[in-house]
Amino acid sequence: MKVKLVAPMEFQLAVQNPYILCFHHRDAFPKGTKQMTPIQYLPNRNPNGDFDLLAPWRMYYGNKIPGFPVHPHRGFETITVVTKGYADHFDSFGCYGRYGEGDVQWMTAGKGIQHSEMFPLLSEEQENPMELFQIWLNLPKKDKMVEPNYKMLWAEDIPTTVVDHEGSKATVRVLAGEFNGILSLDPTPHSWAFDRKNRVCILLLELEPHAKITLPKVSSTLNRSIYHYSQNQAEVDLEGQGLSEGMYAQLEGNEEITVQNTSRKVAKLLVLEGEPINEPVSAHGPFVMNSKQEILQAFEDFRKTEFGGWPWDAEDPVNDKDAPRFASFQEGEKEYPLS
């Protein structure tokens, strides 16, 4: 059976090894103020963690600006894909930046890092819609305690290919791995995705009405999932089975899988693939290790060292309102996307 499971996403996507989790954040943020805060706040929001899925937008753990103030990670990687809006990154190693509108940040937490992810509302004239995926990719035991690192995959540099089916086009952005001979940019050096033999593949698909695409046969051990996130009443056929918006499917990795948009709306899908890391997984809160004892050690290490401390004046820092997309690294080097 090519399609092994179809189910609703609910609070987060039920991912498969080597992935740990995947969050999909979509928010209709209002106009912003000069301080990049919402012009008005929704009533009854929970200041200790605003995750109301029925609300048009969330503050998450933000107080004035939406987002996630300083918090630690160890033992895995975060891959943050911002399809709409902007995110401001600050971390315990003095790195910071702004990215969005199709950019991807690839961060290896390794032995431990603190960072903040805030969502400044930059426009005062119009609404500030935001959409992002945050994907947690596991690290093998040999790399769980490497030095932290992060890399920007700017939207302008991410490889894209187009598949034409009887005049209807499917656009594929290759964030990781390979599709139709198109190779992604390299992730950080210690990533499970860096070795191409691990077949980590992350794709964003955008199918015009009636467009059709085939995911290739890869391997019998490959884990493969697909998630439909269009939000416009598009309908997708997956090997003869419907995949409605908000639904995901787990697919065979050793079969060709046909995906077709059967509606008059554009369909958007996320594909996650990878060979599993065949090691025990112990996860608690912001840490992903191989055993409960290592999780307890992570909490103890963070209590003692704070993973390098926090060099910023606030727990929720943001860049200047007029700052462009950029990344500043530990060595002081700054990087900007090519226009």
C-alpha atoms as a PDB file:
ATOM      1  CA  MET A   1       0.000   0.000   0.000  1.00  0.00           C
ATOM      2  CA  LYS A   2       1.580   3.261  -1.142  1.00  0.00           C
ATOM      3  CA  VAL A   3      -0.417   5.447   1.266  1.00  0.00           C
ATOM      4  CA  LYS A   4       0.053   4.013   4.767  1.00  0.00           C
ATOM      5  CA  LEU A   5      -1.855   6.582   6.819  1.00  0.00           C
ATOM      6  CA  VAL A   6      -3.985   9.704   6.356  1.00  0.00           C
ATOM      7  CA  ALA A   7      -4.853  11.840   9.390  1.00  0.00           C
ATOM      8  CA  PRO A   8      -5.445  15.453  10.488  1.00  0.00           C
ATOM      9  CA  MET A   9      -2.432  17.473  11.613  1.00  0.00           C
ATOM     10  CA  GLU A  10      -4.087  18.788  14.820  1.00  0.00           C
ATOM     11  CA  PHE A  11      -1.669  20.712  17.101  1.00  0.00           C
ATOM     12  CA  GLN A  12       1.495  19.571  15.313  1.00  0.00           C
ATOM     13  CA  LEU A  13       2.474  17.284  12.464  1.00  0.00           C
ATOM     14  CA  ALA A  14       3.049  13.671  13.519  1.00  0.00           C
ATOM     15  CA  VAL A  15       6.495  13.204  11.985  1.00  0.00           C
ATOM     16  CA  GLN A  16       8.641  10.098  11.547  1.00  0.00           C
ATOM     17  CA  ASN A  17      12.279   9.361  12.405  1.00  0.00           C
ATOM     18  CA  PRO A  18      14.722  11.145  11.798  1.00  0.00           C
ATOM     19  CA  TYR A  19      12.373  14.085  12.503  1.00  0.00           C
ATOM     20  CA  ILE A  20      11.299  14.886  16.056  1.00  0.00           C
ATOM     21  CA  LEU A  21       8.421  17.295  15.425  1.00  0.00           C
ATOM     22  CA  CYS A  22       7.065  19.862  12.994  1.00  0.00           C
ATOM     23  CA  PHE A  23       5.034  22.922  13.939  1.00  0.00           C
ATOM     24  CA  HIS A  24       3.035  24.940  11.411  1.00  0.00           C
ATOM     25  CA  HIS A  25       2.416  28.512  12.555  1.00  0.00           C
ATOM     26  CA  ARG A  26      -0.009  30.597  10.491  1.00  0.00           C
ATOM     27  CA  ASP A  27      -1.105  33.961  11.877  1.00  0.00           C
ATOM     28  CA  ALA A  28      -3.170  36.867  10.542  1.00  0.00           C
ATOM     29  CA  PHE A  29      -1.231  39.462  12.528  1.00  0.00           C
ATOM     30  CA  PRO A  30      -2.735  42.974  12.420  1.00  0.00           C
ATOM     31  CA  LYS A  31      -0.996  46.228  11.530  1.00  0.00           C
ATOM     32  CA  GLY A  32       2.008  47.065  13.684  1.00  0.00           C
ATOM     33  CA  THR A  33       3.013  50.091  15.719  1.00  0.00           C
ATOM     34  CA  LYS A  34       6.307  51.972  15.528  1.00  0.00           C
ATOM     35  CA  GLN A  35       7.542  49.536  18.199  1.00  0.00           C
ATOM     36  CA  MET A  36       6.611  46.554  15.945  1.00  0.00           C
ATOM     37  CA  THR A  37       3.887  45.458  18.382  1.00  0.00           C
ATOM     38  CA  PRO A  38       0.260  44.720  17.357  1.00  0.00           C
ATOM     39  CA  ILE A  39      -1.963  47.809  17.171  1.00  0.00           C
ATOM     40  CA  GLN A  40      -4.354  45.863  19.372  1.00  0.00           C
ATOM     41  CA  TYR A  41      -4.217  42.622  21.336  1.00  0.00           C
ATOM     42  CA  LEU A  42      -6.789  39.867  21.230  1.00  0.00           C
ATOM     43  CA  PRO A  43      -8.829  39.581  24.439  1.00  0.00           C
ATOM     44  CA  ASN A  44      -8.444  36.619  26.777  1.00  0.00           C
ATOM     45  CA  ARG A  45      -5.016  35.567  25.500  1.00  0.00           C
ATOM     46  CA  ASN A  46      -2.951  33.448  27.866  1.00  0.00           C
ATOM     47  CA  PRO A  47       0.240  35.357  28.780  1.00  0.00           C
ATOM     48  CA  ASN A  48       1.885  32.078  29.871  1.00  0.00           C
ATOM     49  CA  GLY A  49       1.579  30.499  26.452  1.00  0.00           C
ATOM     50  CA  ASP A  50      -0.825  31.681  23.764  1.00  0.00           C
ATOM     51  CA  PHE A  51      -1.554  28.705  21.497  1.00  0.00           C
ATOM     52  CA  ASP A  52      -5.308  29.072  20.874  1.00  0.00           C
ATOM     53  CA  LEU A  53      -5.803  27.302  17.539  1.00  0.00           C
ATOM     54  CA  LEU A  54      -9.208  28.977  17.106  1.00  0.00           C
ATOM     55  CA  ALA A  55      -7.782  32.504  17.359  1.00  0.00           C
ATOM     56  CA  PRO A  56      -6.799  34.374  14.171  1.00  0.00           C
ATOM     57  CA  TRP A  57      -3.314  34.931  15.588  1.00  0.00           C
ATOM     58  CA  ARG A  58      -1.234  34.083  18.619  1.00  0.00           C
ATOM     59  CA  MET A  59       1.355  35.832  20.776  1.00  0.00           C
ATOM     60  CA  TYR A  60       2.924  32.466  21.713  1.00  0.00           C
ATOM     61  CA  TYR A  61       5.207  33.343  24.661  1.00  0.00           C
ATOM     62  CA  GLY A  62       5.690  36.945  23.543  1.00  0.00           C
ATOM     63  CA  ASN A  63       4.661  39.756  25.859  1.00  0.00           C
ATOM     64  CA  LYS A  64       4.647  42.792  23.549  1.00  0.00           C
ATOM     65  CA  ILE A  65       5.857  41.303  20.250  1.00  0.00           C
ATOM     66  CA  PRO A  66       4.719  37.829  19.165  1.00  0.00           C
ATOM     67  CA  GLY A  67       7.257  35.039  19.302  1.00  0.00           C
ATOM     68  CA  PHE A  68       9.413  32.856  21.488  1.00  0.00           C
ATOM     69  CA  PRO A  69      11.705  34.712  23.939  1.00  0.00           C
ATOM     70  CA  VAL A  70      15.004  33.151  25.030  1.00  0.00           C
ATOM     71  CA  HIS A  71      14.939  29.365  25.523  1.00  0.00           C
ATOM     72  CA  PRO A  72      17.545  26.565  25.313  1.00  0.00           C
ATOM     73  CA  HIS A  73      18.062  23.548  23.008  1.00  0.00           C
ATOM     74  CA  ARG A  74      20.434  20.585  22.963  1.00  0.00           C
ATOM     75  CA  GLY A  75      20.900  17.454  20.873  1.00  0.00           C
ATOM     76  CA  PHE A  76      19.051  18.209  17.622  1.00  0.00           C
ATOM     77  CA  GLU A  77      18.512  20.828  14.889  1.00  0.00           C
ATOM     78  CA  THR A  78      15.830  23.394  14.149  1.00  0.00           C
ATOM     79  CA  ILE A  79      14.950  24.123  10.530  1.00  0.00           C
ATOM     80  CA  THR A  80      12.779  27.241  10.404  1.00  0.00           C
ATOM     81  CA  VAL A  81      11.033  27.872   7.084  1.00  0.00           C
ATOM     82  CA  VAL A  82       9.374  31.319   6.927  1.00  0.00           C
ATOM     83  CA  THR A  83       7.040  31.470   3.937  1.00  0.00           C
ATOM     84  CA  LYS A  84       5.380  34.772   4.964  1.00  0.00           C
ATOM     85  CA  GLY A  85       6.430  37.508   7.372  1.00  0.00           C
ATOM     86  CA  TYR A  86       9.691  37.875   9.276  1.00  0.00           C
ATOM     87  CA  ALA A  87      11.566  36.369  12.211  1.00  0.00           C
ATOM     88  CA  ASP A  88      14.322  37.964  14.306  1.00  0.00           C
ATOM     89  CA  HIS A  89      16.969  35.579  15.656  1.00  0.00           C
ATOM     90  CA  PHE A  90      19.287  36.203  18.633  1.00  0.00           C
ATOM     91  CA  ASP A  91      21.381  33.577  20.396  1.00  0.00           C
ATOM     92  CA  SER A  92      23.754  32.955  23.302  1.00  0.00           C
ATOM     93  CA  PHE A  93      26.817  33.074  21.036  1.00  0.00           C
ATOM     94  CA  GLY A  94      26.170  36.688  20.031  1.00  0.00           C
ATOM     95  CA  CYS A  95      24.680  35.860  16.641  1.00  0.00           C
ATOM     96  CA  TYR A  96      21.587  37.650  15.396  1.00  0.00           C
ATOM     97  CA  GLY A  97      19.666  38.429  12.234  1.00  0.00           C
ATOM     98  CA  ARG A  98      16.384  38.841  10.395  1.00  0.00           C
ATOM     99  CA  TYR A  99      14.949  36.475   7.823  1.00  0.00           C
ATOM    100  CA  GLY A 100      11.635  35.791   6.106  1.00  0.00           C
ATOM    101  CA  GLU A 101       9.603  35.735   2.901  1.00  0.00           C
ATOM    102  CA  GLY A 102      10.901  32.313   1.839  1.00  0.00           C
ATOM    103  CA  ASP A 103      14.182  32.152   3.791  1.00  0.00           C
ATOM    104  CA  VAL A 104      15.228  29.113   5.825  1.00  0.00           C
ATOM    105  CA  GLN A 105      17.352  29.132   8.965  1.00  0.00           C
ATOM    106  CA  TRP A 106      19.196  25.868   9.703  1.00  0.00           C
ATOM    107  CA  MET A 107      20.467  25.738  13.295  1.00  0.00           C
ATOM    108  CA  THR A 108      22.403  22.874  14.892  1.00  0.00           C
ATOM    109  CA  ALA A 109      21.885  23.143  18.649  1.00  0.00           C
ATOM    110  CA  GLY A 110      24.529  20.484  19.374  1.00  0.00           C
ATOM    111  CA  LYS A 111      25.864  20.604  22.931  1.00  0.00           C
ATOM    112  CA  GLY A 112      23.629  23.528  23.836  1.00  0.00           C
ATOM    113  CA  ILE A 113      22.482  26.957  22.749  1.00  0.00           C
ATOM    114  CA  GLN A 114      19.977  29.568  23.853  1.00  0.00           C
ATOM    115  CA  HIS A 115      18.096  31.558  21.247  1.00  0.00           C
ATOM    116  CA  SER A 116      15.032  33.719  20.774  1.00  0.00           C
ATOM    117  CA  GLU A 117      12.673  33.825  17.793  1.00  0.00           C
ATOM    118  CA  MET A 118      10.481  36.918  17.652  1.00  0.00           C
ATOM    119  CA  PHE A 119       8.041  37.989  14.932  1.00  0.00           C
ATOM    120  CA  PRO A 120       8.177  41.804  14.578  1.00  0.00           C
ATOM    121  CA  LEU A 121       5.196  43.408  12.868  1.00  0.00           C
ATOM    122  CA  LEU A 122       7.045  45.667  10.442  1.00  0.00           C
ATOM    123  CA  SER A 123       4.168  47.249   8.510  1.00  0.00           C
ATOM    124  CA  GLU A 124       2.073  50.060   9.999  1.00  0.00           C
ATOM    125  CA  GLU A 125       0.038  50.516   6.803  1.00  0.00           C
ATOM    126  CA  GLN A 126      -1.248  46.983   6.264  1.00  0.00           C
ATOM    127  CA  GLU A 127      -1.693  43.673   8.047  1.00  0.00           C
ATOM    128  CA  ASN A 128       1.321  41.465   8.777  1.00  0.00           C
ATOM    129  CA  PRO A 129       0.401  37.871   7.863  1.00  0.00           C
ATOM    130  CA  MET A 130       2.953  35.276   8.957  1.00  0.00           C
ATOM    131  CA  GLU A 131       3.435  31.619   8.145  1.00  0.00           C
ATOM    132  CA  LEU A 132       6.302  29.347   9.096  1.00  0.00           C
ATOM    133  CA  PHE A 133       7.245  25.750   9.680  1.00  0.00           C
ATOM    134  CA  GLN A 134       9.646  24.795  12.418  1.00  0.00           C
ATOM    135  CA  ILE A 135      11.029  21.327  11.859  1.00  0.00           C
ATOM    136  CA  TRP A 136      13.086  19.512  14.485  1.00  0.00           C
ATOM    137  CA  LEU A 137      15.594  17.113  12.917  1.00  0.00           C
ATOM    138  CA  ASN A 138      17.387  14.688  15.209  1.00  0.00           C
ATOM    139  CA  LEU A 139      21.163  14.293  15.468  1.00  0.00           C
ATOM    140  CA  PRO A 140      22.948  10.940  15.872  1.00  0.00           C
ATOM    141  CA  LYS A 141      24.686  10.301  19.186  1.00  0.00           C
ATOM    142  CA  LYS A 142      28.126  11.088  17.747  1.00  0.00           C
ATOM    143  CA  ASP A 143      26.988  14.640  16.863  1.00  0.00           C
ATOM    144  CA  LYS A 144      24.719  15.547  19.766  1.00  0.00           C
ATOM    145  CA  MET A 145      27.477  17.417  21.590  1.00  0.00           C
ATOM    146  CA  VAL A 146      29.082  19.251  18.654  1.00  0.00           C
ATOM    147  CA  GLU A 147      29.602  22.999  18.755  1.00  0.00           C
ATOM    148  CA  PRO A 148      26.389  24.889  17.911  1.00  0.00           C
ATOM    149  CA  ASN A 149      26.169  26.403  14.456  1.00  0.00           C
ATOM    150  CA  TYR A 150      23.656  28.058  12.175  1.00  0.00           C
ATOM    151  CA  LYS A 151      23.362  28.852   8.510  1.00  0.00           C
ATOM    152  CA  MET A 152      20.983  30.881   6.376  1.00  0.00           C
ATOM    153  CA  LEU A 153      19.469  29.487   3.197  1.00  0.00           C
ATOM    154  CA  TRP A 154      18.270  32.678   1.555  1.00  0.00           C
ATOM    155  CA  ALA A 155      15.135  32.458  -0.584  1.00  0.00           C
ATOM    156  CA  GLU A 156      17.019  33.741  -3.634  1.00  0.00           C
ATOM    157  CA  ASP A 157      19.501  30.849  -3.397  1.00  0.00           C
ATOM    158  CA  ILE A 158      17.149  27.925  -2.711  1.00  0.00           C
ATOM    159  CA  PRO A 159      17.018  25.671  -5.811  1.00  0.00           C
ATOM    160  CA  THR A 160      13.645  25.520  -7.531  1.00  0.00           C
ATOM    161  CA  THR A 161      12.382  23.350 -10.361  1.00  0.00           C
ATOM    162  CA  VAL A 162       9.125  23.283 -12.332  1.00  0.00           C
ATOM    163  CA  VAL A 163       7.288  20.147 -13.502  1.00  0.00           C
ATOM    164  CA  ASP A 164       4.814  20.672 -16.354  1.00  0.00           C
ATOM    165  CA  HIS A 165       1.811  18.359 -16.738  1.00  0.00           C
ATOM    166  CA  GLU A 166      -0.318  19.160 -19.798  1.00  0.00           C
ATOM    167  CA  GLY A 167       0.285  22.868 -19.318  1.00  0.00           C
ATOM    168  CA  SER A 168      -0.301  22.872 -15.556  1.00  0.00           C
ATOM    169  CA  LYS A 169       2.839  23.538 -13.538  1.00  0.00           C
ATOM    170  CA  ALA A 170       4.090  22.277 -10.210  1.00  0.00           C
ATOM    171  CA  THR A 171       6.840  24.351  -8.576  1.00  0.00           C
ATOM    172  CA  VAL A 172       9.196  22.501  -6.234  1.00  0.00           C
ATOM    173  CA  ARG A 173      11.507  24.297  -3.791  1.00  0.00           C
ATOM    174  CA  VAL A 174      14.261  21.930  -2.695  1.00  0.00           C
ATOM    175  CA  LEU A 175      15.126  22.958   0.877  1.00  0.00           C
ATOM    176  CA  ALA A 176      17.083  19.781   1.588  1.00  0.00           C
ATOM    177  CA  GLY A 177      18.067  16.735  -0.439  1.00  0.00           C
ATOM    178  CA  GLU A 178      17.339  16.214  -4.109  1.00  0.00           C
ATOM    179  CA  PHE A 179      14.427  16.240  -6.508  1.00  0.00           C
ATOM    180  CA  ASN A 180      14.576  15.470 -10.257  1.00  0.00           C
ATOM    181  CA  GLY A 181      18.356  15.845 -10.198  1.00  0.00           C
ATOM    182  CA  ILE A 182      18.187  19.259  -8.474  1.00  0.00           C
ATOM    183  CA  LEU A 183      20.382  19.315  -5.352  1.00  0.00           C
ATOM    184  CA  SER A 184      19.678  21.492  -2.340  1.00  0.00           C
ATOM    185  CA  LEU A 185      22.173  23.797  -0.713  1.00  0.00           C
ATOM    186  CA  ASP A 186      24.289  22.134   1.968  1.00  0.00           C
ATOM    187  CA  PRO A 187      23.020  22.380   5.546  1.00  0.00           C
ATOM    188  CA  THR A 188      25.331  22.833   8.555  1.00  0.00           C
ATOM    189  CA  PRO A 189      28.272  20.354   8.521  1.00  0.00           C
ATOM    190  CA  HIS A 190      27.164  18.096  11.394  1.00  0.00           C
ATOM    191  CA  SER A 191      23.571  17.763  10.214  1.00  0.00           C
ATOM    192  CA  TRP A 192      22.081  14.323   9.535  1.00  0.00           C
ATOM    193  CA  ALA A 193      21.139  15.899   6.195  1.00  0.00           C
ATOM    194  CA  PHE A 194      24.735  16.821   5.307  1.00  0.00           C
ATOM    195  CA  ASP A 195      25.569  13.237   4.289  1.00  0.00           C
ATOM    196  CA  ARG A 196      23.445  12.711   1.171  1.00  0.00           C
ATOM    197  CA  LYS A 197      23.333   8.960   1.876  1.00  0.00           C
ATOM    198  CA  ASN A 198      20.885   9.743   4.694  1.00  0.00           C
ATOM    199  CA  ARG A 199      18.408  10.900   2.030  1.00  0.00           C
ATOM    200  CA  VAL A 200      17.000  13.779   4.057  1.00  0.00           C
ATOM    201  CA  CYS A 201      14.679  15.658   1.721  1.00  0.00           C
ATOM    202  CA  ILE A 202      12.472  18.656   2.514  1.00  0.00           C
ATOM    203  CA  LEU A 203      10.330  20.001  -0.320  1.00  0.00           C
ATOM    204  CA  LEU A 204       7.741  22.736  -0.668  1.00  0.00           C
ATOM    205  CA  LEU A 205       5.306  21.967  -3.488  1.00  0.00           C
ATOM    206  CA  GLU A 206       3.003  24.491  -5.134  1.00  0.00           C
ATOM    207  CA  LEU A 207       0.650  22.913  -7.668  1.00  0.00           C
ATOM    208  CA  GLU A 208      -1.385  24.946 -10.126  1.00  0.00           C
ATOM    209  CA  PRO A 209      -4.923  23.689 -10.791  1.00  0.00           C
ATOM    210  CA  HIS A 210      -4.716  20.154 -12.236  1.00  0.00           C
ATOM    211  CA  ALA A 211      -0.918  20.025 -11.932  1.00  0.00           C
ATOM    212  CA  LYS A 212       0.599  16.618 -11.282  1.00  0.00           C
ATOM    213  CA  ILE A 213       3.907  15.508  -9.791  1.00  0.00           C
ATOM    214  CA  THR A 214       5.540  12.191  -8.899  1.00  0.00           C
ATOM    215  CA  LEU A 215       7.675  11.571  -5.830  1.00  0.00           C
ATOM    216  CA  PRO A 216      10.300   9.014  -6.864  1.00  0.00           C
ATOM    217  CA  LYS A 217      10.982   5.568  -5.467  1.00  0.00           C
ATOM    218  CA  VAL A 218      13.883   5.939  -3.009  1.00  0.00           C
ATOM    219  CA  SER A 219      14.417   3.090  -0.511  1.00  0.00           C
ATOM    220  CA  SER A 220      12.507   0.526   1.551  1.00  0.00           C
ATOM    221  CA  THR A 221      13.745   2.097   4.794  1.00  0.00           C
ATOM    222  CA  LEU A 222      12.936   5.713   3.914  1.00  0.00           C
ATOM    223  CA  ASN A 223      10.310   7.502   6.014  1.00  0.00           C
ATOM    224  CA  ARG A 224       8.166   9.877   3.945  1.00  0.00           C
ATOM    225  CA  SER A 225       5.337  12.231   4.924  1.00  0.00           C
ATOM    226  CA  ILE A 226       3.335  14.859   3.049  1.00  0.00           C
ATOM    227  CA  TYR A 227       1.201  17.650   4.544  1.00  0.00           C
ATOM    228  CA  HIS A 228      -1.437  19.756   2.749  1.00  0.00           C
ATOM    229  CA  TYR A 229      -1.560  23.358   3.994  1.00  0.00           C
ATOM    230  CA  SER A 230      -3.207  25.397   1.197  1.00  0.00           C
ATOM    231  CA  GLN A 231      -5.999  27.077   3.220  1.00  0.00           C
ATOM    232  CA  ASN A 232      -8.025  27.876   0.083  1.00  0.00           C
ATOM    233  CA  GLN A 233     -10.230  24.779  -0.364  1.00  0.00           C
ATOM    234  CA  ALA A 234      -7.834  23.106  -2.786  1.00  0.00           C
ATOM    235  CA  GLU A 235      -8.232  19.346  -3.240  1.00  0.00           C
ATOM    236  CA  VAL A 236      -5.358  16.935  -3.776  1.00  0.00           C
ATOM    237  CA  ASP A 237      -5.438  13.348  -5.041  1.00  0.00           C
ATOM    238  CA  LEU A 238      -2.783  11.062  -3.554  1.00  0.00           C
ATOM    239  CA  GLU A 239      -2.670   7.738  -5.405  1.00  0.00           C
ATOM    240  CA  GLY A 240      -6.463   7.742  -5.681  1.00  0.00           C
ATOM    241  CA  GLN A 241      -7.017   8.933  -2.127  1.00  0.00           C
ATOM    242  CA  GLY A 242      -8.081  12.455  -1.227  1.00  0.00           C
ATOM    243  CA  LEU A 243      -5.808  14.648   0.891  1.00  0.00           C
ATOM    244  CA  SER A 244      -7.780  17.632   2.152  1.00  0.00           C
ATOM    245  CA  GLU A 245      -6.326  20.785   3.667  1.00  0.00           C
ATOM    246  CA  GLY A 246      -4.954  20.256   7.149  1.00  0.00           C
ATOM    247  CA  MET A 247      -4.383  16.538   6.497  1.00  0.00           C
ATOM    248  CA  TYR A 248      -1.106  14.653   6.272  1.00  0.00           C
ATOM    249  CA  ALA A 249      -0.161  11.241   4.948  1.00  0.00           C
ATOM    250  CA  GLN A 250       2.620   8.770   5.621  1.00  0.00           C
ATOM    251  CA  LEU A 251       3.833   7.207   2.384  1.00  0.00           C
ATOM    252  CA  GLU A 252       5.949   4.292   1.233  1.00  0.00           C
ATOM    253  CA  GLY A 253       9.532   5.306   0.504  1.00  0.00           C
ATOM    254  CA  ASN A 254      10.137   2.539  -2.020  1.00  0.00           C
ATOM    255  CA  GLU A 255       7.260   3.419  -4.346  1.00  0.00           C
ATOM    256  CA  GLU A 256       6.556   6.158  -6.841  1.00  0.00           C
ATOM    257  CA  ILE A 257       3.857   8.412  -5.377  1.00  0.00           C
ATOM    258  CA  THR A 258       1.634  10.499  -7.646  1.00  0.00           C
ATOM    259  CA  VAL A 259       0.297  13.796  -6.278  1.00  0.00           C
ATOM    260  CA  GLN A 260      -2.279  15.726  -8.312  1.00  0.00           C
ATOM    261  CA  ASN A 261      -4.204  18.914  -7.677  1.00  0.00           C
ATOM    262  CA  THR A 262      -7.784  18.094  -8.668  1.00  0.00           C
ATOM    263  CA  SER A 263      -9.241  21.530  -7.914  1.00  0.00           C
ATOM    264  CA  ARG A 264      -9.277  25.007  -9.450  1.00  0.00           C
ATOM    265  CA  LYS A 265      -7.217  26.389  -6.565  1.00  0.00           C
ATOM    266  CA  VAL A 266      -3.442  26.368  -6.025  1.00  0.00           C
ATOM    267  CA  ALA A 267      -2.410  23.525  -3.710  1.00  0.00           C
ATOM    268  CA  LYS A 268       0.543  23.813  -1.297  1.00  0.00           C
ATOM    269  CA  LEU A 269       2.250  20.836   0.318  1.00  0.00           C
ATOM    270  CA  LEU A 270       5.232  20.076   2.529  1.00  0.00           C
ATOM    271  CA  VAL A 271       7.205  16.851   1.996  1.00  0.00           C
ATOM    272  CA  LEU A 272       9.516  15.419   4.683  1.00  0.00           C
ATOM    273  CA  GLU A 273      11.747  12.437   3.912  1.00  0.00           C
ATOM    274  CA  GLY A 274      14.744  10.793   5.499  1.00  0.00           C
ATOM    275  CA  GLU A 275      16.439   7.586   6.517  1.00  0.00           C
ATOM    276  CA  PRO A 276      15.879   6.922  10.230  1.00  0.00           C
ATOM    277  CA  ILE A 277      18.574   7.347  12.863  1.00  0.00           C
ATOM    278  CA  ASN A 278      18.523   3.883  14.377  1.00  0.00           C
ATOM    279  CA  GLU A 279      19.252   4.931  17.952  1.00  0.00           C
ATOM    280  CA  PRO A 280      17.119   5.360  21.093  1.00  0.00           C
ATOM    281  CA  VAL A 281      15.368   8.730  21.398  1.00  0.00           C
ATOM    282  CA  SER A 282      14.703  10.451  24.711  1.00  0.00           C
ATOM    283  CA  ALA A 283      13.067  13.870  24.423  1.00  0.00           C
ATOM    284  CA  HIS A 284      11.850  16.259  27.078  1.00  0.00           C
ATOM    285  CA  GLY A 285      10.983  19.910  26.514  1.00  0.00           C
ATOM    286  CA  PRO A 286      13.773  21.601  24.557  1.00  0.00           C
ATOM    287  CA  PHE A 287      16.244  18.677  24.696  1.00  0.00           C
ATOM    288  CA  VAL A 288      16.540  15.547  22.521  1.00  0.00           C
ATOM    289  CA  MET A 289      19.067  12.920  23.617  1.00  0.00           C
ATOM    290  CA  ASN A 290      19.460   9.122  23.655  1.00  0.00           C
ATOM    291  CA  SER A 291      18.562   8.381  27.276  1.00  0.00           C
ATOM    292  CA  LYS A 292      16.692   9.797  30.260  1.00  0.00           C
ATOM    293  CA  GLN A 293      20.006  10.198  32.083  1.00  0.00           C
ATOM    294  CA  GLU A 294      21.324  12.398  29.266  1.00  0.00           C
ATOM    295  CA  ILE A 295      18.146  14.510  29.468  1.00  0.00           C
ATOM    296  CA  LEU A 296      18.681  14.992  33.211  1.00  0.00           C
ATOM    297  CA  GLN A 297      22.306  15.918  32.495  1.00  0.00           C
ATOM    298  CA  ALA A 298      21.174  18.479  29.920  1.00  0.00           C
ATOM    299  CA  PHE A 299      18.949  20.197  32.498  1.00  0.00           C
ATOM    300  CA  GLU A 300      21.801  20.158  35.029  1.00  0.00           C
ATOM    301  CA  ASP A 301      24.306  21.553  32.509  1.00  0.00           C
ATOM    302  CA  PHE A 302      21.900  24.310  31.552  1.00  0.00           C
ATOM    303  CA  ARG A 303      21.355  25.190  35.210  1.00  0.00           C
ATOM    304  CA  LYS A 304      25.118  25.501  35.730  1.00  0.00           C
ATOM    305  CA  THR A 305      26.236  27.139  32.485  1.00  0.00           C
ATOM    306  CA  GLU A 306      23.118  28.539  30.769  1.00  0.00           C
ATOM    307  CA  PHE A 307      24.811  27.283  27.596  1.00  0.00           C
ATOM    308  CA  GLY A 308      27.019  30.353  27.409  1.00  0.00           C
ATOM    309  CA  GLY A 309      24.637  32.793  29.075  1.00  0.00           C
ATOM    310  CA  TRP A 310      22.526  35.457  27.425  1.00  0.00           C
ATOM    311  CA  PRO A 311      24.460  38.503  26.141  1.00  0.00           C
ATOM    312  CA  TRP A 312      21.407  40.603  25.207  1.00  0.00           C
ATOM    313  CA  ASP A 313      19.606  43.237  27.293  1.00  0.00           C
ATOM    314  CA  ALA A 314      16.169  41.658  26.856  1.00  0.00           C
ATOM    315  CA  GLU A 315      14.753  38.144  26.732  1.00  0.00           C
ATOM    316  CA  ASP A 316      12.888  39.039  23.526  1.00  0.00           C
ATOM    317  CA  PRO A 317      15.239  41.271  21.503  1.00  0.00           C
ATOM    318  CA  VAL A 318      14.405  42.427  17.986  1.00  0.00           C
ATOM    319  CA  ASN A 319      16.366  44.262  15.311  1.00  0.00           C
ATOM    320  CA  ASP A 320      15.717  47.851  14.262  1.00  0.00           C
ATOM    321  CA  LYS A 321      12.480  48.231  12.377  1.00  0.00           C
ATOM    322  CA  ASP A 322      14.201  49.248   9.143  1.00  0.00           C
ATOM    323  CA  ALA A 323      16.803  46.449   9.286  1.00  0.00           C
ATOM    324  CA  PRO A 324      16.941  44.364   6.087  1.00  0.00           C
ATOM    325  CA  ARG A 325      17.183  40.574   5.969  1.00  0.00           C
ATOM    326  CA  PHE A 326      20.643  39.656   7.235  1.00  0.00           C
ATOM    327  CA  ALA A 327      22.632  37.287   9.432  1.00  0.00           C
ATOM    328  CA  SER A 328      25.422  38.206  11.840  1.00  0.00           C
ATOM    329  CA  PHE A 329      27.647  35.327  12.901  1.00  0.00           C
ATOM    330  CA  GLN A 330      29.852  34.619  15.907  1.00  0.00           C
ATOM    331  CA  GLU A 331      32.997  35.886  14.197  1.00  0.00           C
ATOM    332  CA  GLY A 332      31.291  39.232  13.513  1.00  0.00           C
ATOM    333  CA  GLU A 333      30.812  38.521   9.825  1.00  0.00           C
ATOM    334  CA  LYS A 334      27.555  39.785   8.352  1.00  0.00           C
ATOM    335  CA  GLU A 335      25.731  38.194   5.444  1.00  0.00           C
ATOM    336  CA  TYR A 336      22.960  39.570   3.264  1.00  0.00           C
ATOM    337  CA  PRO A 337      20.879  37.849   0.569  1.00  0.00           C
ATOM    338  CA  LEU A 338      21.667  38.705  -3.013  1.00  0.00           C
ATOM    339  CA  SER A 339      19.012  40.963  -4.531  1.00  0.00           C
END
